[in-house]
Protein backbone atom coordinates (compact mmCIF):
# COMPACT_ATOMS: atom_id res chain seq x y z
CA MET A 1 11.89 20.01 1.55
CA THR A 2 10.54 17.33 4.00
CA ARG A 3 9.64 14.27 2.67
CA SER A 4 5.73 13.35 3.39
CA ILE A 5 3.83 10.19 2.87
CA SER A 6 0.16 9.86 3.05
CA ILE A 7 -1.28 6.68 4.48
CA ILE A 8 -4.47 5.33 3.29
CA THR A 9 -5.83 2.03 4.84
CA GLU A 10 -9.19 2.20 3.06
CA GLY A 11 -9.95 -0.97 1.14
CA PHE A 12 -12.53 -2.66 -0.69
CA PRO A 13 -12.72 -6.57 -0.07
CA GLY A 14 -16.05 -6.92 -1.90
CA GLU A 15 -15.36 -5.09 -4.93
CA ALA A 16 -11.89 -6.49 -6.12
CA ALA A 17 -11.69 -4.74 -9.25
CA LEU A 18 -12.33 -1.47 -7.63
CA ASP A 19 -9.51 -2.21 -4.84
CA ILE A 20 -6.99 -2.43 -8.07
CA ALA A 21 -8.09 0.56 -9.87
CA VAL A 22 -7.68 2.83 -6.85
CA SER A 23 -4.11 2.11 -7.33
CA ARG A 24 -4.45 3.02 -10.72
CA ALA A 25 -6.05 6.13 -9.99
CA LEU A 26 -3.72 7.29 -7.46
CA LEU A 27 -0.71 6.47 -10.10
CA SER A 28 -2.47 8.75 -12.50
CA GLN A 29 -2.84 11.60 -9.79
CA VAL A 30 0.55 11.34 -8.17
CA GLY A 31 1.96 11.55 -11.84
CA ALA A 32 -0.10 14.68 -12.36
CA ALA A 33 0.79 15.87 -9.11
CA THR A 34 -2.61 16.45 -7.65
CA VAL A 35 -2.21 13.85 -4.97
CA GLY A 36 1.37 13.53 -3.26
CA GLU A 37 3.21 10.46 -2.17
CA THR A 38 1.19 7.72 -0.95
CA PHE A 39 1.24 4.18 0.89
CA ARG A 40 -1.72 2.49 0.89
CA LEU A 41 -1.90 -0.80 3.43
CA HIS A 42 -5.14 -2.56 3.53
CA VAL A 43 -7.00 -5.84 4.05
CA PRO A 44 -8.15 -6.99 0.32
CA GLY A 45 -10.54 -9.80 -0.34
CA ARG A 46 -10.06 -13.03 -1.91
CA VAL A 47 -8.29 -12.44 -5.29
CA VAL A 48 -6.22 -14.01 -7.69
CA ALA A 49 -4.46 -11.11 -9.10
CA PHE A 50 -2.96 -12.07 -12.73
CA GLY A 51 0.02 -10.42 -14.43
CA LYS A 52 0.36 -9.22 -18.07
CA HIS A 53 2.44 -12.38 -18.78
CA ASP A 54 -0.60 -14.24 -17.51
CA THR A 55 -3.13 -12.73 -20.19
CA LEU A 56 -0.79 -13.83 -23.10
CA THR A 57 -0.47 -17.61 -21.93
CA ALA A 58 -2.46 -19.97 -23.85
CA GLY A 59 -4.31 -21.38 -20.61
CA TYR A 60 -5.40 -18.12 -19.22
CA GLY A 61 -9.07 -18.60 -19.88
CA ASP A 62 -8.74 -21.89 -17.90
CA ALA A 63 -6.74 -20.46 -15.32
CA VAL A 64 -9.26 -17.60 -14.78
CA ALA A 65 -12.01 -20.28 -14.45
CA ALA A 66 -10.24 -21.98 -12.04
CA ALA A 67 -9.71 -19.10 -9.63
CA ARG A 68 -13.49 -18.33 -9.84
CA LEU A 69 -14.03 -21.77 -9.03
CA ALA A 70 -11.73 -21.85 -5.98
CA GLY A 71 -13.95 -18.90 -4.54
CA PHE A 72 -11.62 -16.23 -5.68
CA SER A 73 -12.14 -13.02 -7.74
CA PRO A 74 -10.04 -13.24 -11.04
CA GLU A 75 -8.63 -9.63 -11.64
CA GLU A 76 -5.79 -8.13 -13.76
CA ARG A 77 -3.26 -6.10 -11.80
CA LEU A 78 -1.13 -3.18 -12.42
CA ALA A 79 2.36 -4.66 -11.57
CA GLY A 80 3.73 -7.26 -13.73
CA GLY A 81 4.78 -10.85 -13.05
CA ARG A 82 2.79 -14.04 -12.36
CA ALA A 83 -0.57 -14.72 -10.63
CA ALA A 84 -0.61 -13.85 -6.81
CA VAL A 85 -3.13 -14.49 -4.29
CA PHE A 86 -4.83 -11.94 -1.66
CA HIS A 87 -7.51 -12.79 0.97
CA GLU A 88 -8.49 -11.74 4.36
CA LEU A 89 -5.40 -12.89 6.19
CA THR A 90 -2.97 -10.86 3.77
CA LEU A 91 -2.38 -6.98 3.36
CA SER A 92 -1.92 -5.52 0.34
CA PHE A 93 0.32 -2.86 0.03
CA SER A 94 0.58 -0.02 -2.91
CA TRP A 95 3.51 2.68 -2.63
CA THR A 96 2.85 5.45 -5.30
CA ILE A 97 6.00 7.74 -5.69
CA PRO A 98 6.09 10.87 -7.91
CA GLU A 99 9.37 10.25 -9.93
CA THR A 100 10.95 12.30 -12.91
CA ASN A 101 12.92 9.62 -14.26
CA PRO A 102 10.98 6.18 -13.32
CA THR A 103 13.34 3.93 -15.38
CA GLY A 104 16.32 5.32 -13.54
CA GLY A 105 15.47 3.72 -10.02
CA VAL A 106 13.84 0.51 -10.57
CA GLN A 107 16.23 -1.73 -8.65
CA ALA A 108 16.71 1.05 -6.02
CA ARG A 109 12.89 1.09 -5.31
CA PHE A 110 12.91 -2.55 -4.94
CA GLU A 111 15.66 -2.49 -2.58
CA GLN A 112 14.10 0.19 -0.52
CA ILE A 113 10.80 -1.83 -0.20
CA THR A 114 12.26 -5.16 0.44
CA ASP A 115 14.38 -3.63 3.07
CA LEU A 116 11.43 -1.84 4.80
CA ILE A 117 9.30 -5.38 4.64
CA VAL A 118 12.38 -7.34 6.08
CA ARG A 119 13.05 -4.73 9.14
CA SER A 120 9.15 -4.70 9.76
CA PHE A 121 9.28 -8.37 10.27
CA ALA A 122 12.28 -8.17 12.46
CA ARG A 123 9.94 -6.09 14.44
CA MET A 124 7.87 -9.04 15.23
CA GLY A 125 10.90 -11.36 15.92
CA ILE A 126 10.56 -12.86 12.40
CA ASP A 127 13.88 -13.46 10.26
CA SER A 128 13.26 -12.92 6.69
CA ILE A 129 15.54 -12.59 3.61
CA VAL A 130 15.45 -11.40 0.09
CA GLY A 131 15.49 -13.62 -2.81
CA GLU A 132 13.54 -16.18 -5.05
CA ILE A 133 13.00 -19.72 -4.09
CA PRO A 134 12.32 -22.61 -5.72
CA GLY A 135 8.90 -23.35 -6.91
CA GLU A 136 7.43 -19.94 -5.29
CA TYR A 137 4.47 -18.39 -6.95
CA CYS A 138 4.98 -15.11 -8.75
CA PRO A 139 8.75 -15.78 -8.64
CA GLY A 140 10.85 -13.04 -8.37
CA ARG A 141 14.73 -11.86 -7.05
CA PHE A 142 12.59 -9.46 -4.73
CA SER A 143 10.67 -11.67 -2.87
CA VAL A 144 11.03 -12.17 0.67
CA HIS A 145 11.29 -15.31 2.28
CA HIS A 146 11.84 -17.12 5.55
CA ARG A 147 15.19 -19.16 5.95
CA GLY A 148 14.81 -20.13 1.98
CA ARG A 149 11.63 -22.31 2.82
CA ILE A 150 8.59 -20.14 2.18
CA LYS A 151 7.50 -17.07 0.63
CA LEU A 152 6.23 -14.29 2.83
CA MET A 153 6.29 -11.34 0.31
CA GLY A 154 5.90 -10.54 -3.25
CA VAL A 155 6.20 -7.20 -4.78
CA GLY A 156 6.27 -5.63 -8.30
CA GLN A 157 6.09 -2.38 -10.46
CA ARG A 158 4.45 -0.47 -12.68
CA LEU A 159 5.91 2.64 -13.98
CA SER A 160 4.19 5.77 -15.78
CA ARG A 161 5.82 8.74 -16.92
CA ASP A 162 5.80 10.90 -13.97
CA ALA A 163 5.06 8.36 -11.00
CA VAL A 164 5.61 4.76 -10.01
CA HIS A 165 3.48 2.13 -7.90
CA VAL A 166 5.20 -0.38 -6.02
CA GLY A 167 2.62 -2.95 -5.17
CA GLY A 168 2.60 -6.27 -3.69
CA VAL A 169 1.15 -8.66 -0.87
CA ILE A 170 2.10 -9.88 2.79
CA VAL A 171 0.77 -13.05 3.79
CA VAL A 172 0.09 -13.03 7.41
CA GLY A 173 -1.85 -16.00 7.71
CA GLY A 174 -3.75 -18.35 5.40
CA SER A 175 -1.03 -20.07 3.36
CA ALA A 176 -3.07 -23.41 3.06
CA LEU A 177 -5.92 -21.23 1.51
CA MET A 178 -3.72 -19.32 -1.08
CA ASN A 179 -2.65 -22.96 -2.24
CA GLU A 180 -6.39 -23.77 -2.93
CA ALA A 181 -6.22 -21.40 -5.60
CA LEU A 182 -2.59 -21.16 -6.74
CA ALA A 183 -2.26 -24.85 -7.60
CA PRO A 184 -5.20 -24.94 -10.13
CA VAL A 185 -4.50 -21.65 -11.60
CA TYR A 186 -0.69 -22.67 -12.07
CA ALA A 187 -1.58 -25.95 -13.49
CA ALA A 188 -3.85 -24.11 -16.17
CA LEU A 189 -1.14 -21.67 -17.05
CA GLY A 190 1.47 -24.58 -17.35
CA LEU A 191 3.91 -23.03 -14.86
CA MET A 192 5.97 -24.71 -12.24
CA PHE A 193 4.87 -24.22 -8.66
CA ASP A 194 5.68 -26.01 -5.37
CA PRO A 195 2.77 -25.79 -2.63
CA ALA A 196 5.41 -26.23 0.18
CA ALA A 197 6.96 -23.02 -0.83
CA THR A 198 3.87 -20.47 0.03
CA GLY A 199 4.08 -19.48 3.37
CA SER A 200 2.89 -16.94 5.95
CA LEU A 201 3.92 -15.08 9.25
CA GLN A 202 1.72 -17.20 11.08
CA ASP A 203 3.44 -20.62 9.76
CA VAL A 204 6.82 -18.94 11.62
CA ASP A 205 4.73 -17.32 14.78
CA PRO A 206 1.13 -18.19 15.19
CA ALA A 207 0.69 -15.22 17.60
CA ILE A 208 1.41 -12.58 14.70
CA THR A 209 -1.76 -10.81 13.47
CA ILE A 210 -3.05 -8.46 10.61
CA GLU A 211 -2.81 -5.42 13.05
CA ARG A 212 0.40 -5.87 14.55
CA THR A 213 2.05 -6.54 11.15
CA GLN A 214 0.14 -3.18 9.87
CA ARG A 215 1.79 -1.55 12.77
CA ALA A 216 5.37 -2.75 12.07
CA VAL A 217 4.81 -1.81 8.63
CA LEU A 218 3.94 1.65 9.22
CA ALA A 219 6.56 2.03 12.20
CA GLU A 220 9.30 1.30 9.72
CA LEU A 221 7.80 3.76 7.19
CA GLU A 222 8.16 6.46 9.66
CA GLN A 223 11.76 6.20 9.34
CA VAL A 224 11.53 6.68 5.84
CA ALA A 225 9.62 9.94 5.97
CA GLU A 226 6.98 11.94 7.88
CA THR A 227 3.77 10.36 7.73
CA GLU A 228 0.18 11.46 8.01
CA GLN A 229 -3.50 9.43 7.77
CA GLY A 230 -4.94 10.22 4.49
CA ARG A 231 -8.43 9.55 2.74
CA LEU A 232 -9.31 8.34 -0.66
CA ASP A 233 -11.06 11.60 -2.12
CA GLU A 234 -14.29 11.79 -4.31
CA GLU A 235 -11.93 12.57 -7.43
CA THR A 236 -9.94 9.54 -6.75
CA MET A 237 -13.01 7.36 -6.48
CA ALA A 238 -14.51 8.56 -9.56
CA LEU A 239 -11.39 7.51 -11.50
CA ALA A 240 -11.36 4.30 -9.95
CA ARG A 241 -15.06 3.60 -10.59
CA ASP A 242 -14.29 4.33 -14.16
CA GLN A 243 -11.33 2.24 -14.71
CA ALA A 244 -12.55 -1.09 -12.59
CA PRO A 245 -14.12 -2.78 -15.31
CA HIS A 246 -10.92 -2.87 -16.87
CA HIS A 247 -9.41 -5.30 -14.13
CA ILE A 248 -12.05 -8.08 -14.26
CA ALA A 249 -10.13 -10.86 -15.89
CA ASP A 250 -13.18 -12.44 -17.31
CA ARG A 251 -14.73 -9.37 -18.63
CA PRO A 252 -16.41 -9.34 -22.16
CA ARG A 253 -14.14 -8.39 -24.61
CA PRO A 254 -14.40 -7.11 -28.12
CA PRO A 255 -13.72 -9.58 -31.07
CA ALA A 256 -10.59 -9.56 -32.60
CA PRO A 257 -10.61 -7.77 -35.95
CA PRO A 258 -10.48 -9.99 -38.73
CA GLY A 259 -7.65 -11.17 -40.84
């Protein structure tokens, strides 16, 4: 059977929690085989997306407050890792893939997405390498950077029983804006962070745009499978709206049980 991927470009930059919950809804639907494989690529709003490890850190409350003070919506994302930043000069991607053995292909999926991103950047004349660089935000060995100096893309995975979510951020511009949120957030979390490691495609080539980057990524995706334009249907949006409150970082929480 020919592999087919539905491309979704809809985003909700003014509703950060809903934007994240859409990915959660798609993960559920793809796992249930009511929706096929999807690749969502869109422009988000200003968000600090916290990972599970952040929520267990002593300074988490202060980090959430610092994000909001910097003008970013603090949210809790699907994939793991440490805090990452999204804004209007970034691209958020989420690749939702049906998978009968999610734990068996974690590294292969990381390698596939990083290879796709590296090739996408090469289409625009940007040379990039996979690997962690010292002091980067949300550090990981599958980050994509430029010449060991600045991080351009970060990625994580979330597994369910029958599907996987591979999601992350491509930084097209606005690296200084990212650091306005990252510096106080990482200080509150007590994590090492070097603002000089934060970068963007426009730091390498100021002529690169969001639209050009989108075209490059989708052109490379067409080398992986047949693609078609998709949309978020009413069932997906209903699921997402139901789950959205659970992704708000400073939501009211029930008191801990006594004892």
